[in-house]
Amino acid sequence: TEVRLNQKIWVELDTDGLDEKLVAVVTDSCWATDHASPTGGRKYY
């Protein structure tokens, strides 16, 4: 799939195996890095 600069992208975070009546998922943070490591290189939240 070709994705261009400034094109809107939707990212879904989905779980399987949790009871929705008992538990919710909270996304605390998401960030991009220029290296595969979540702590390496530049970071953009």
All heavy atoms as atom14 arrays in JSON, in Angstrom:
{
  "sequence": "TEVRLNQKIWVELDTDGLDEKLVAVVTDSCWATDHASPTGGRKYY",
  "atom14_mask": [
    [1, 1, 1, 1, 1, 1, 1, 0, 0, 0, 0, 0, 0, 0],
    [1, 1, 1, 1, 1, 1, 1, 1, 1, 0, 0, 0, 0, 0],
    [1, 1, 1, 1, 1, 1, 1, 0, 0, 0, 0, 0, 0, 0],
    [1, 1, 1, 1, 1, 1, 1, 1, 1, 1, 1, 0, 0, 0],
    [1, 1, 1, 1, 1, 1, 1, 1, 0, 0, 0, 0, 0, 0],
    [1, 1, 1, 1, 1, 1, 1, 1, 0, 0, 0, 0, 0, 0],
    [1, 1, 1, 1, 1, 1, 1, 1, 1, 0, 0, 0, 0, 0],
    [1, 1, 1, 1, 1, 1, 1, 1, 1, 0, 0, 0, 0, 0],
    [1, 1, 1, 1, 1, 1, 1, 1, 0, 0, 0, 0, 0, 0],
    [1, 1, 1, 1, 1, 1, 1, 1, 1, 1, 1, 1, 1, 1],
    [1, 1, 1, 1, 1, 1, 1, 0, 0, 0, 0, 0, 0, 0],
    [1, 1, 1, 1, 1, 1, 1, 1, 1, 0, 0, 0, 0, 0],
    [1, 1, 1, 1, 1, 1, 1, 1, 0, 0, 0, 0, 0, 0],
    [1, 1, 1, 1, 1, 1, 1, 1, 0, 0, 0, 0, 0, 0],
    [1, 1, 1, 1, 1, 1, 1, 0, 0, 0, 0, 0, 0, 0],
    [1, 1, 1, 1, 1, 1, 1, 1, 0, 0, 0, 0, 0, 0],
    [1, 1, 1, 1, 0, 0, 0, 0, 0, 0, 0, 0, 0, 0],
    [1, 1, 1, 1, 1, 1, 1, 1, 0, 0, 0, 0, 0, 0],
    [1, 1, 1, 1, 1, 1, 1, 1, 0, 0, 0, 0, 0, 0],
    [1, 1, 1, 1, 1, 1, 1, 1, 1, 0, 0, 0, 0, 0],
    [1, 1, 1, 1, 1, 1, 1, 1, 1, 0, 0, 0, 0, 0],
    [1, 1, 1, 1, 1, 1, 1, 1, 0, 0, 0, 0, 0, 0],
    [1, 1, 1, 1, 1, 1, 1, 0, 0, 0, 0, 0, 0, 0],
    [1, 1, 1, 1, 1, 0, 0, 0, 0, 0, 0, 0, 0, 0],
    [1, 1, 1, 1, 1, 1, 1, 0, 0, 0, 0, 0, 0, 0],
    [1, 1, 1, 1, 1, 1, 1, 0, 0, 0, 0, 0, 0, 0],
    [1, 1, 1, 1, 1, 1, 1, 0, 0, 0, 0, 0, 0, 0],
    [1, 1, 1, 1, 1, 1, 1, 1, 0, 0, 0, 0, 0, 0],
    [1, 1, 1, 1, 1, 1, 0, 0, 0, 0, 0, 0, 0, 0],
    [1, 1, 1, 1, 1, 1, 0, 0, 0, 0, 0, 0, 0, 0],
    [1, 1, 1, 1, 1, 1, 1, 1, 1, 1, 1, 1, 1, 1],
    [1, 1, 1, 1, 1, 0, 0, 0, 0, 0, 0, 0, 0, 0],
    [1, 1, 1, 1, 1, 1, 1, 0, 0, 0, 0, 0, 0, 0],
    [1, 1, 1, 1, 1, 1, 1, 1, 0, 0, 0, 0, 0, 0],
    [1, 1, 1, 1, 1, 1, 1, 1, 1, 1, 0, 0, 0, 0],
    [1, 1, 1, 1, 1, 0, 0, 0, 0, 0, 0, 0, 0, 0],
    [1, 1, 1, 1, 1, 1, 0, 0, 0, 0, 0, 0, 0, 0],
    [1, 1, 1, 1, 1, 1, 1, 0, 0, 0, 0, 0, 0, 0],
    [1, 1, 1, 1, 1, 1, 1, 0, 0, 0, 0, 0, 0, 0],
    [1, 1, 1, 1, 0, 0, 0, 0, 0, 0, 0, 0, 0, 0],
    [1, 1, 1, 1, 0, 0, 0, 0, 0, 0, 0, 0, 0, 0],
    [1, 1, 1, 1, 1, 1, 1, 1, 1, 1, 1, 0, 0, 0],
    [1, 1, 1, 1, 1, 1, 1, 1, 1, 0, 0, 0, 0, 0],
    [1, 1, 1, 1, 1, 1, 1, 1, 1, 1, 1, 1, 0, 0],
    [1, 1, 1, 1, 1, 1, 1, 1, 1, 1, 1, 1, 0, 0]
  ],
  "atom14_positions": [
    [[0.85, -1.2, 0.0], [0.0, 0.0, 0.0], [0.88, 1.24, 0.0], [1.8, 1.35, 0.8], [-0.91, 0.03, 1.25], [-1.68, -1.17, 1.3], [-1.85, 1.23, 1.22], [0.0, 0.0, 0.0], [0.0, 0.0, 0.0], [0.0, 0.0, 0.0], [0.0, 0.0, 0.0], [0.0, 0.0, 0.0], [0.0, 0.0, 0.0], [0.0, 0.0, 0.0]],
    [[0.6, 2.16, -0.92], [1.34, 3.41, -0.95], [0.69, 4.41, 0.0], [-0.5, 4.66, -0.08], [1.37, 4.0, -2.36], [2.24, 3.23, -3.31], [2.42, 3.94, -4.64], [1.77, 4.99, -4.86], [3.21, 3.45, -5.46], [0.0, 0.0, 0.0], [0.0, 0.0, 0.0], [0.0, 0.0, 0.0], [0.0, 0.0, 0.0], [0.0, 0.0, 0.0]],
    [[1.48, 4.94, 0.91], [1.02, 5.95, 1.86], [1.88, 7.19, 1.64], [3.1, 7.09, 1.57], [1.17, 5.45, 3.32], [0.73, 6.52, 4.3], [0.36, 4.17, 3.52], [0.0, 0.0, 0.0], [0.0, 0.0, 0.0], [0.0, 0.0, 0.0], [0.0, 0.0, 0.0], [0.0, 0.0, 0.0], [0.0, 0.0, 0.0], [0.0, 0.0, 0.0]],
    [[1.25, 8.35, 1.51], [1.97, 9.58, 1.2], [2.06, 10.5, 2.42], [1.28, 10.37, 3.35], [1.28, 10.31, 0.05], [1.2, 9.45, -1.2], [0.96, 10.28, -2.44], [0.92, 9.45, -3.63], [1.98, 9.01, -4.28], [3.16, 9.28, -3.84], [1.86, 8.27, -5.35], [0.0, 0.0, 0.0], [0.0, 0.0, 0.0], [0.0, 0.0, 0.0]],
    [[3.01, 11.41, 2.36], [3.12, 12.41, 3.41], [1.81, 13.16, 3.57], [1.14, 13.45, 2.59], [4.22, 13.43, 3.06], [5.64, 13.06, 3.45], [6.61, 14.13, 2.96], [5.79, 12.85, 4.93], [0.0, 0.0, 0.0], [0.0, 0.0, 0.0], [0.0, 0.0, 0.0], [0.0, 0.0, 0.0], [0.0, 0.0, 0.0], [0.0, 0.0, 0.0]],
    [[1.43, 13.43, 4.78], [0.22, 14.16, 5.18], [-1.07, 13.38, 4.94], [-2.15, 13.89, 5.18], [0.15, 15.54, 4.49], [-0.54, 16.55, 5.38], [-0.47, 16.47, 6.61], [-1.22, 17.49, 4.79], [0.0, 0.0, 0.0], [0.0, 0.0, 0.0], [0.0, 0.0, 0.0], [0.0, 0.0, 0.0], [0.0, 0.0, 0.0], [0.0, 0.0, 0.0]],
    [[-0.99, 12.14, 4.47], [-2.18, 11.29, 4.33], [-2.6, 10.83, 5.72], [-1.78, 10.47, 6.54], [-1.87, 10.08, 3.46], [-3.05, 9.15, 3.27], [-2.73, 7.97, 2.34], [-1.74, 7.98, 1.63], [-3.56, 6.96, 2.38], [0.0, 0.0, 0.0], [0.0, 0.0, 0.0], [0.0, 0.0, 0.0], [0.0, 0.0, 0.0], [0.0, 0.0, 0.0]],
    [[-3.91, 10.85, 5.98], [-4.41, 10.43, 7.28], [-4.38, 8.91, 7.38], [-4.79, 8.21, 6.48], [-5.83, 10.96, 7.53], [-6.31, 10.67, 8.96], [-7.51, 11.47, 9.36], [-7.23, 12.89, 9.75], [-6.39, 13.08, 10.93], [0.0, 0.0, 0.0], [0.0, 0.0, 0.0], [0.0, 0.0, 0.0], [0.0, 0.0, 0.0], [0.0, 0.0, 0.0]],
    [[-3.88, 8.44, 8.52], [-3.78, 7.01, 8.81], [-4.48, 6.76, 10.15], [-4.33, 7.54, 11.08], [-2.29, 6.57, 8.91], [-1.59, 6.78, 7.58], [-2.17, 5.13, 9.38], [-2.1, 5.91, 6.46], [0.0, 0.0, 0.0], [0.0, 0.0, 0.0], [0.0, 0.0, 0.0], [0.0, 0.0, 0.0], [0.0, 0.0, 0.0], [0.0, 0.0, 0.0]],
    [[-5.24, 5.66, 10.22], [-5.89, 5.25, 11.46], [-5.18, 4.01, 11.98], [-4.91, 3.08, 11.22], [-7.37, 4.93, 11.21], [-8.19, 6.15, 11.0], [-8.98, 6.79, 11.92], [-8.35, 6.9, 9.78], [-9.58, 7.89, 11.35], [-9.22, 7.98, 10.05], [-7.81, 6.77, 8.5], [-9.58, 8.91, 9.09], [-8.16, 7.7, 7.54], [-9.04, 8.76, 7.83]],
    [[-4.85, 4.0, 13.26], [-4.18, 2.86, 13.88], [-5.09, 2.31, 14.96], [-5.5, 3.04, 15.87], [-2.82, 3.27, 14.48], [-2.18, 2.09, 15.2], [-1.89, 3.8, 13.39], [0.0, 0.0, 0.0], [0.0, 0.0, 0.0], [0.0, 0.0, 0.0], [0.0, 0.0, 0.0], [0.0, 0.0, 0.0], [0.0, 0.0, 0.0], [0.0, 0.0, 0.0]],
    [[-5.43, 1.02, 14.83], [-6.31, 0.38, 15.81], [-5.49, -0.51, 16.73], [-4.63, -1.26, 16.28], [-7.37, -0.46, 15.08], [-8.4, -1.05, 16.02], [-9.52, -1.73, 15.27], [-9.22, -2.59, 14.41], [-10.69, -1.4, 15.53], [0.0, 0.0, 0.0], [0.0, 0.0, 0.0], [0.0, 0.0, 0.0], [0.0, 0.0, 0.0], [0.0, 0.0, 0.0]],
    [[-5.76, -0.39, 18.02], [-5.15, -1.24, 19.04], [-6.27, -2.11, 19.58], [-7.19, -1.62, 20.23], [-4.53, -0.38, 20.14], [-3.45, 0.58, 19.64], [-3.16, 1.64, 20.67], [-2.19, -0.17, 19.27], [0.0, 0.0, 0.0], [0.0, 0.0, 0.0], [0.0, 0.0, 0.0], [0.0, 0.0, 0.0], [0.0, 0.0, 0.0], [0.0, 0.0, 0.0]],
    [[-6.21, -3.39, 19.28], [-7.31, -4.3, 19.59], [-6.79, -5.47, 20.41], [-5.68, -5.96, 20.17], [-7.93, -4.81, 18.28], [-9.22, -5.57, 18.51], [-9.87, -5.38, 19.55], [-9.59, -6.36, 17.61], [0.0, 0.0, 0.0], [0.0, 0.0, 0.0], [0.0, 0.0, 0.0], [0.0, 0.0, 0.0], [0.0, 0.0, 0.0], [0.0, 0.0, 0.0]],
    [[-7.58, -5.92, 21.38], [-7.19, -7.07, 22.19], [-8.13, -8.22, 21.94], [-9.28, -8.04, 21.54], [-7.2, -6.74, 23.7], [-8.53, -6.39, 24.09], [-6.25, -5.6, 24.03], [0.0, 0.0, 0.0], [0.0, 0.0, 0.0], [0.0, 0.0, 0.0], [0.0, 0.0, 0.0], [0.0, 0.0, 0.0], [0.0, 0.0, 0.0], [0.0, 0.0, 0.0]],
    [[-7.63, -9.42, 22.19], [-8.44, -10.62, 22.09], [-8.14, -11.46, 23.33], [-6.98, -11.67, 23.67], [-8.08, -11.4, 20.82], [-9.02, -12.57, 20.59], [-10.22, -12.42, 20.89], [-8.55, -13.62, 20.14], [0.0, 0.0, 0.0], [0.0, 0.0, 0.0], [0.0, 0.0, 0.0], [0.0, 0.0, 0.0], [0.0, 0.0, 0.0], [0.0, 0.0, 0.0]],
    [[-9.21, -11.88, 24.02], [-9.02, -12.7, 25.21], [-9.34, -11.97, 26.5], [-9.16, -12.52, 27.58], [0.0, 0.0, 0.0], [0.0, 0.0, 0.0], [0.0, 0.0, 0.0], [0.0, 0.0, 0.0], [0.0, 0.0, 0.0], [0.0, 0.0, 0.0], [0.0, 0.0, 0.0], [0.0, 0.0, 0.0], [0.0, 0.0, 0.0], [0.0, 0.0, 0.0]],
    [[-9.82, -10.72, 26.41], [-10.2, -9.96, 27.6], [-11.71, -9.79, 27.64], [-12.35, -9.62, 26.6], [-9.54, -8.58, 27.61], [-8.03, -8.55, 27.76], [-7.5, -7.13, 27.61], [-7.6, -9.13, 29.11], [0.0, 0.0, 0.0], [0.0, 0.0, 0.0], [0.0, 0.0, 0.0], [0.0, 0.0, 0.0], [0.0, 0.0, 0.0], [0.0, 0.0, 0.0]],
    [[-12.29, -9.81, 28.82], [-13.73, -9.63, 29.0], [-14.03, -8.13, 29.06], [-13.62, -7.44, 30.0], [-14.18, -10.32, 30.3], [-15.7, -10.31, 30.47], [-16.38, -9.53, 29.77], [-16.19, -11.08, 31.31], [0.0, 0.0, 0.0], [0.0, 0.0, 0.0], [0.0, 0.0, 0.0], [0.0, 0.0, 0.0], [0.0, 0.0, 0.0], [0.0, 0.0, 0.0]],
    [[-14.74, -7.64, 28.06], [-15.04, -6.21, 27.97], [-15.9, -5.71, 29.13], [-15.92, -4.53, 29.43], [-15.73, -5.91, 26.62], [-15.78, -4.43, 26.31], [-16.16, -4.16, 24.87], [-15.36, -4.45, 23.97], [-17.27, -3.64, 24.67], [0.0, 0.0, 0.0], [0.0, 0.0, 0.0], [0.0, 0.0, 0.0], [0.0, 0.0, 0.0], [0.0, 0.0, 0.0]],
    [[-16.62, -6.62, 29.8], [-17.44, -6.21, 30.95], [-16.57, -5.92, 32.17], [-16.96, -5.17, 33.05], [-18.45, -7.3, 31.29], [-19.49, -7.52, 30.21], [-20.42, -8.65, 30.59], [-21.28, -9.0, 29.38], [-21.38, -10.43, 29.17], [0.0, 0.0, 0.0], [0.0, 0.0, 0.0], [0.0, 0.0, 0.0], [0.0, 0.0, 0.0], [0.0, 0.0, 0.0]],
    [[-15.4, -6.54, 32.22], [-14.53, -6.4, 33.39], [-13.35, -5.46, 33.17], [-12.88, -4.83, 34.12], [-13.97, -7.78, 33.79], [-14.98, -8.86, 34.16], [-14.26, -10.17, 34.41], [-15.77, -8.44, 35.38], [0.0, 0.0, 0.0], [0.0, 0.0, 0.0], [0.0, 0.0, 0.0], [0.0, 0.0, 0.0], [0.0, 0.0, 0.0], [0.0, 0.0, 0.0]],
    [[-12.85, -5.39, 31.93], [-11.58, -4.7, 31.67], [-11.71, -3.77, 30.48], [-12.41, -4.07, 29.52], [-10.46, -5.74, 31.4], [-9.15, -5.06, 31.08], [-10.3, -6.69, 32.56], [0.0, 0.0, 0.0], [0.0, 0.0, 0.0], [0.0, 0.0, 0.0], [0.0, 0.0, 0.0], [0.0, 0.0, 0.0], [0.0, 0.0, 0.0], [0.0, 0.0, 0.0]],
    [[-11.02, -2.63, 30.56], [-10.88, -1.73, 29.42], [-9.39, -1.52, 29.17], [-8.57, -1.68, 30.07], [-11.57, -0.4, 29.7], [0.0, 0.0, 0.0], [0.0, 0.0, 0.0], [0.0, 0.0, 0.0], [0.0, 0.0, 0.0], [0.0, 0.0, 0.0], [0.0, 0.0, 0.0], [0.0, 0.0, 0.0], [0.0, 0.0, 0.0], [0.0, 0.0, 0.0]],
    [[-9.07, -1.18, 27.94], [-7.69, -0.91, 27.56], [-7.52, 0.59, 27.4], [-8.28, 1.24, 26.71], [-7.32, -1.63, 26.24], [-5.92, -1.25, 25.79], [-7.43, -3.13, 26.42], [0.0, 0.0, 0.0], [0.0, 0.0, 0.0], [0.0, 0.0, 0.0], [0.0, 0.0, 0.0], [0.0, 0.0, 0.0], [0.0, 0.0, 0.0], [0.0, 0.0, 0.0]],
    [[-6.5, 1.12, 28.08], [-6.19, 2.54, 28.0], [-4.86, 2.71, 27.29], [-3.86, 2.11, 27.7], [-6.11, 3.18, 29.41], [-5.71, 4.64, 29.33], [-7.43, 3.02, 30.15], [0.0, 0.0, 0.0], [0.0, 0.0, 0.0], [0.0, 0.0, 0.0], [0.0, 0.0, 0.0], [0.0, 0.0, 0.0], [0.0, 0.0, 0.0], [0.0, 0.0, 0.0]],
    [[-4.85, 3.48, 26.21], [-3.6, 3.8, 25.54], [-2.99, 4.97, 26.27], [-3.49, 6.09, 26.22], [-3.84, 4.14, 24.05], [-4.44, 3.02, 23.41], [-2.53, 4.47, 23.35], [0.0, 0.0, 0.0], [0.0, 0.0, 0.0], [0.0, 0.0, 0.0], [0.0, 0.0, 0.0], [0.0, 0.0, 0.0], [0.0, 0.0, 0.0], [0.0, 0.0, 0.0]],
    [[-1.9, 4.7, 26.98], [-1.22, 5.72, 27.76], [-0.4, 6.63, 26.85], [-0.45, 7.85, 26.97], [-0.32, 5.06, 28.81], [0.48, 6.07, 29.59], [-0.14, 6.79, 30.4], [1.7, 6.17, 29.36], [0.0, 0.0, 0.0], [0.0, 0.0, 0.0], [0.0, 0.0, 0.0], [0.0, 0.0, 0.0], [0.0, 0.0, 0.0], [0.0, 0.0, 0.0]],
    [[0.36, 6.01, 25.94], [1.19, 6.81, 25.04], [1.51, 6.02, 23.78], [1.55, 4.8, 23.8], [2.49, 7.24, 25.75], [3.16, 6.12, 26.26], [0.0, 0.0, 0.0], [0.0, 0.0, 0.0], [0.0, 0.0, 0.0], [0.0, 0.0, 0.0], [0.0, 0.0, 0.0], [0.0, 0.0, 0.0], [0.0, 0.0, 0.0], [0.0, 0.0, 0.0]],
    [[1.72, 6.75, 22.7], [2.21, 6.18, 21.45], [3.2, 7.17, 20.88], [2.97, 8.38, 20.91], [1.08, 5.96, 20.44], [-0.02, 4.59, 20.83], [0.0, 0.0, 0.0], [0.0, 0.0, 0.0], [0.0, 0.0, 0.0], [0.0, 0.0, 0.0], [0.0, 0.0, 0.0], [0.0, 0.0, 0.0], [0.0, 0.0, 0.0], [0.0, 0.0, 0.0]],
    [[4.31, 6.64, 20.37], [5.34, 7.51, 19.84], [6.04, 6.83, 18.68], [6.03, 5.62, 18.54], [6.33, 7.89, 20.94], [7.12, 6.76, 21.51], [8.39, 6.37, 21.16], [6.71, 5.85, 22.53], [8.78, 5.28, 21.89], [7.77, 4.94, 22.75], [5.54, 5.7, 23.28], [7.69, 3.9, 23.68], [5.46, 4.67, 24.22], [6.54, 3.78, 24.4]],
    [[6.66, 7.65, 17.86], [7.43, 7.16, 16.72], [8.9, 7.39, 17.01], [9.27, 8.39, 17.65], [7.02, 7.9, 15.45], [0.0, 0.0, 0.0], [0.0, 0.0, 0.0], [0.0, 0.0, 0.0], [0.0, 0.0, 0.0], [0.0, 0.0, 0.0], [0.0, 0.0, 0.0], [0.0, 0.0, 0.0], [0.0, 0.0, 0.0], [0.0, 0.0, 0.0]],
    [[9.73, 6.45, 16.55], [11.18, 6.62, 16.64], [11.77, 6.35, 15.26], [11.13, 5.72, 14.42], [11.82, 5.64, 17.66], [11.54, 4.29, 17.25], [11.29, 5.88, 19.07], [0.0, 0.0, 0.0], [0.0, 0.0, 0.0], [0.0, 0.0, 0.0], [0.0, 0.0, 0.0], [0.0, 0.0, 0.0], [0.0, 0.0, 0.0], [0.0, 0.0, 0.0]],
    [[12.98, 6.82, 15.06], [13.64, 6.56, 13.78], [14.51, 5.31, 13.84], [15.23, 5.01, 12.89], [14.43, 7.78, 13.28], [15.48, 8.26, 14.27], [15.57, 7.71, 15.38], [16.22, 9.2, 13.92], [0.0, 0.0, 0.0], [0.0, 0.0, 0.0], [0.0, 0.0, 0.0], [0.0, 0.0, 0.0], [0.0, 0.0, 0.0], [0.0, 0.0, 0.0]],
    [[14.45, 4.58, 14.94], [15.12, 3.3, 15.11], [14.11, 2.28, 15.64], [13.1, 2.66, 16.22], [16.29, 3.41, 16.09], [17.45, 4.16, 15.54], [17.52, 5.54, 15.58], [18.58, 3.75, 14.92], [18.65, 5.94, 15.02], [19.31, 4.87, 14.61], [0.0, 0.0, 0.0], [0.0, 0.0, 0.0], [0.0, 0.0, 0.0], [0.0, 0.0, 0.0]],
    [[14.4, 1.01, 15.48], [13.47, -0.03, 15.93], [13.27, -0.03, 17.44], [12.22, -0.4, 17.93], [13.96, -1.41, 15.47], [0.0, 0.0, 0.0], [0.0, 0.0, 0.0], [0.0, 0.0, 0.0], [0.0, 0.0, 0.0], [0.0, 0.0, 0.0], [0.0, 0.0, 0.0], [0.0, 0.0, 0.0], [0.0, 0.0, 0.0], [0.0, 0.0, 0.0]],
    [[14.26, 0.43, 18.17], [14.17, 0.46, 19.63], [13.2, 1.56, 20.08], [13.24, 2.68, 19.56], [15.55, 0.75, 20.23], [15.42, 1.08, 21.6], [0.0, 0.0, 0.0], [0.0, 0.0, 0.0], [0.0, 0.0, 0.0], [0.0, 0.0, 0.0], [0.0, 0.0, 0.0], [0.0, 0.0, 0.0], [0.0, 0.0, 0.0], [0.0, 0.0, 0.0]],
    [[12.32, 1.25, 21.05], [11.39, 2.29, 21.52], [12.08, 3.43, 22.26], [11.5, 4.49, 22.44], [10.44, 1.53, 22.45], [11.07, 0.23, 22.72], [12.08, -0.05, 21.67], [0.0, 0.0, 0.0], [0.0, 0.0, 0.0], [0.0, 0.0, 0.0], [0.0, 0.0, 0.0], [0.0, 0.0, 0.0], [0.0, 0.0, 0.0], [0.0, 0.0, 0.0]],
    [[13.33, 3.22, 22.67], [14.05, 4.27, 23.4], [15.19, 4.86, 22.59], [15.8, 5.84, 23.01], [14.62, 3.71, 24.72], [15.48, 2.59, 24.42], [13.51, 3.27, 25.65], [0.0, 0.0, 0.0], [0.0, 0.0, 0.0], [0.0, 0.0, 0.0], [0.0, 0.0, 0.0], [0.0, 0.0, 0.0], [0.0, 0.0, 0.0], [0.0, 0.0, 0.0]],
    [[15.5, 4.28, 21.43], [16.65, 4.73, 20.65], [16.31, 5.81, 19.65], [15.19, 5.89, 19.15], [0.0, 0.0, 0.0], [0.0, 0.0, 0.0], [0.0, 0.0, 0.0], [0.0, 0.0, 0.0], [0.0, 0.0, 0.0], [0.0, 0.0, 0.0], [0.0, 0.0, 0.0], [0.0, 0.0, 0.0], [0.0, 0.0, 0.0], [0.0, 0.0, 0.0]],
    [[17.28, 6.66, 19.37], [17.13, 7.67, 18.32], [16.16, 8.77, 18.69], [15.86, 9.02, 19.86], [0.0, 0.0, 0.0], [0.0, 0.0, 0.0], [0.0, 0.0, 0.0], [0.0, 0.0, 0.0], [0.0, 0.0, 0.0], [0.0, 0.0, 0.0], [0.0, 0.0, 0.0], [0.0, 0.0, 0.0], [0.0, 0.0, 0.0], [0.0, 0.0, 0.0]],
    [[15.64, 9.42, 17.66], [14.69, 10.52, 17.88], [13.32, 9.96, 18.23], [12.94, 8.88, 17.78], [14.6, 11.39, 16.64], [15.89, 12.18, 16.42], [15.74, 13.17, 15.31], [15.82, 12.47, 14.04], [15.66, 13.06, 12.86], [15.39, 14.32, 12.79], [15.75, 12.36, 11.75], [0.0, 0.0, 0.0], [0.0, 0.0, 0.0], [0.0, 0.0, 0.0]],
    [[12.56, 10.71, 19.01], [11.25, 10.26, 19.47], [10.24, 11.37, 19.22], [10.51, 12.55, 19.49], [11.33, 9.96, 20.97], [10.07, 9.37, 21.56], [10.18, 9.19, 23.07], [10.99, 7.99, 23.43], [10.9, 7.65, 24.86], [0.0, 0.0, 0.0], [0.0, 0.0, 0.0], [0.0, 0.0, 0.0], [0.0, 0.0, 0.0], [0.0, 0.0, 0.0]],
    [[9.07, 11.0, 18.65], [7.99, 11.96, 18.42], [6.7, 11.37, 18.98], [6.25, 10.32, 18.54], [7.82, 12.26, 16.93], [6.72, 13.24, 16.64], [6.9, 14.6, 16.87], [5.49, 12.81, 16.16], [5.89, 15.51, 16.63], [4.47, 13.71, 15.91], [4.68, 15.05, 16.15], [3.67, 15.94, 15.91], [0.0, 0.0, 0.0], [0.0, 0.0, 0.0]],
    [[6.1, 12.04, 19.97], [4.88, 11.55, 20.61], [3.65, 11.91, 19.79], [3.47, 13.06, 19.38], [4.73, 12.12, 22.02], [5.52, 11.36, 23.05], [6.79, 11.76, 23.42], [4.99, 10.22, 23.64], [7.52, 11.04, 24.36], [5.7, 9.49, 24.57], [6.97, 9.91, 24.93], [7.68, 9.19, 25.84], [0.0, 0.0, 0.0], [0.0, 0.0, 0.0]]
  ]
}
